Amino acid sequence: MLTKIKCPKCNVEGTISLIDAVYDGPYKCWKCRELFRIRLENGSLKEIEPLSADELAKFEQIQAMKNKFRKGG
């Protein structure tokens, strides 16, 4: 599923391709490189807010731990 996202900082439209209908995670604008946390449901943008580099690092650590437990260690 391809979803268009308009960057709140530079107003450039970008796209994100997803397999699942729901996504809650990081998004980086391809033009200004600003980080955001977005929430998508069924191809519709429900929420977008700025994301700091520290918050992104925490999110990636959580995802890595989830993946580790899914794989069984």
C-alpha atoms as a PDB file:
ATOM      1  CA  MET A   1       0.000   0.000   0.000  1.00  0.00           C
ATOM      2  CA  LEU A   2       1.482   3.347  -1.084  1.00  0.00           C
ATOM      3  CA  THR A   3       0.630   6.360   1.102  1.00  0.00           C
ATOM      4  CA  LYS A   4       1.448  10.021   0.429  1.00  0.00           C
ATOM      5  CA  ILE A   5       2.698  12.141   3.311  1.00  0.00           C
ATOM      6  CA  LYS A   6       3.085  15.933   3.241  1.00  0.00           C
ATOM      7  CA  CYS A   7       6.000  17.113   5.388  1.00  0.00           C
ATOM      8  CA  PRO A   8       4.820  19.640   8.008  1.00  0.00           C
ATOM      9  CA  LYS A   9       8.200  21.391   7.934  1.00  0.00           C
ATOM     10  CA  CYS A  10       8.932  21.883   4.206  1.00  0.00           C
ATOM     11  CA  ASN A  11       5.517  20.978   2.669  1.00  0.00           C
ATOM     12  CA  VAL A  12       7.068  18.527   0.193  1.00  0.00           C
ATOM     13  CA  GLU A  13       5.027  15.416  -0.545  1.00  0.00           C
ATOM     14  CA  GLY A  14       6.694  12.063   0.013  1.00  0.00           C
ATOM     15  CA  THR A  15       5.480   8.492  -0.113  1.00  0.00           C
ATOM     16  CA  ILE A  16       5.804   5.440   2.063  1.00  0.00           C
ATOM     17  CA  SER A  17       5.090   1.888   0.994  1.00  0.00           C
ATOM     18  CA  LEU A  18       3.668  -0.493   3.600  1.00  0.00           C
ATOM     19  CA  ILE A  19       2.530  -4.089   3.709  1.00  0.00           C
ATOM     20  CA  ASP A  20       0.309  -3.743   6.779  1.00  0.00           C
ATOM     21  CA  ALA A  21      -2.794  -1.532   6.959  1.00  0.00           C
ATOM     22  CA  VAL A  22      -1.611   0.010  10.248  1.00  0.00           C
ATOM     23  CA  TYR A  23       1.786   1.641  10.886  1.00  0.00           C
ATOM     24  CA  ASP A  24       3.042   3.582  13.899  1.00  0.00           C
ATOM     25  CA  GLY A  25       6.691   4.532  13.659  1.00  0.00           C
ATOM     26  CA  PRO A  26       9.369   6.819  12.279  1.00  0.00           C
ATOM     27  CA  TYR A  27       9.306   8.650   8.957  1.00  0.00           C
ATOM     28  CA  LYS A  28      12.057  10.847   7.488  1.00  0.00           C
ATOM     29  CA  CYS A  29      11.260  13.530   4.914  1.00  0.00           C
ATOM     30  CA  TRP A  30      13.282  12.870   1.769  1.00  0.00           C
ATOM     31  CA  LYS A  31      13.750  16.619   1.129  1.00  0.00           C
ATOM     32  CA  CYS A  32      14.518  18.329   4.470  1.00  0.00           C
ATOM     33  CA  ARG A  33      15.568  15.088   6.291  1.00  0.00           C
ATOM     34  CA  GLU A  34      13.400  15.996   9.318  1.00  0.00           C
ATOM     35  CA  LEU A  35      12.288  13.048  11.493  1.00  0.00           C
ATOM     36  CA  PHE A  36       8.652  12.433  12.429  1.00  0.00           C
ATOM     37  CA  ARG A  37       6.604   9.796  14.195  1.00  0.00           C
ATOM     38  CA  ILE A  38       3.601   8.944  12.082  1.00  0.00           C
ATOM     39  CA  ARG A  39       0.512   6.800  12.542  1.00  0.00           C
ATOM     40  CA  LEU A  40      -1.216   5.430   9.448  1.00  0.00           C
ATOM     41  CA  GLU A  41      -4.427   3.436   9.255  1.00  0.00           C
ATOM     42  CA  ASN A  42      -5.709   1.967   5.980  1.00  0.00           C
ATOM     43  CA  GLY A  43      -3.586   4.335   3.899  1.00  0.00           C
ATOM     44  CA  SER A  44      -4.721   7.431   5.791  1.00  0.00           C
ATOM     45  CA  LEU A  45      -2.400   9.627   7.889  1.00  0.00           C
ATOM     46  CA  LYS A  46      -3.916   9.869  11.377  1.00  0.00           C
ATOM     47  CA  GLU A  47      -1.053  11.513  13.288  1.00  0.00           C
ATOM     48  CA  ILE A  48       2.307  13.166  12.621  1.00  0.00           C
ATOM     49  CA  GLU A  49       4.638  14.740  15.185  1.00  0.00           C
ATOM     50  CA  PRO A  50       8.332  15.676  15.343  1.00  0.00           C
ATOM     51  CA  LEU A  51      10.742  12.954  16.449  1.00  0.00           C
ATOM     52  CA  SER A  52      14.158  13.609  18.000  1.00  0.00           C
ATOM     53  CA  ALA A  53      17.240  11.526  17.271  1.00  0.00           C
ATOM     54  CA  ASP A  54      17.105  10.204  20.874  1.00  0.00           C
ATOM     55  CA  GLU A  55      13.477   9.137  20.465  1.00  0.00           C
ATOM     56  CA  LEU A  56      14.365   7.410  17.191  1.00  0.00           C
ATOM     57  CA  ALA A  57      17.213   5.523  18.901  1.00  0.00           C
ATOM     58  CA  LYS A  58      14.823   4.359  21.661  1.00  0.00           C
ATOM     59  CA  PHE A  59      12.272   3.239  19.075  1.00  0.00           C
ATOM     60  CA  GLU A  60      14.942   1.264  17.190  1.00  0.00           C
ATOM     61  CA  GLN A  61      16.113  -0.410  20.428  1.00  0.00           C
ATOM     62  CA  ILE A  62      12.551  -1.468  21.233  1.00  0.00           C
ATOM     63  CA  GLN A  63      12.058  -2.837  17.720  1.00  0.00           C
ATOM     64  CA  ALA A  64      15.337  -4.778  17.940  1.00  0.00           C
ATOM     65  CA  MET A  65      14.254  -6.350  21.226  1.00  0.00           C
ATOM     66  CA  LYS A  66      10.835  -7.275  19.794  1.00  0.00           C
ATOM     67  CA  ASN A  67      12.509  -8.888  16.784  1.00  0.00           C
ATOM     68  CA  LYS A  68      14.927 -10.787  19.017  1.00  0.00           C
ATOM     69  CA  PHE A  69      12.096 -12.298  21.057  1.00  0.00           C
ATOM     70  CA  ARG A  70      10.071 -13.143  17.954  1.00  0.00           C
ATOM     71  CA  LYS A  71      13.030 -15.114  16.605  1.00  0.00           C
ATOM     72  CA  GLY A  72      13.454 -16.895  19.914  1.00  0.00           C
ATOM     73  CA  GLY A  73      16.635 -15.352  21.201  1.00  0.00           C
END
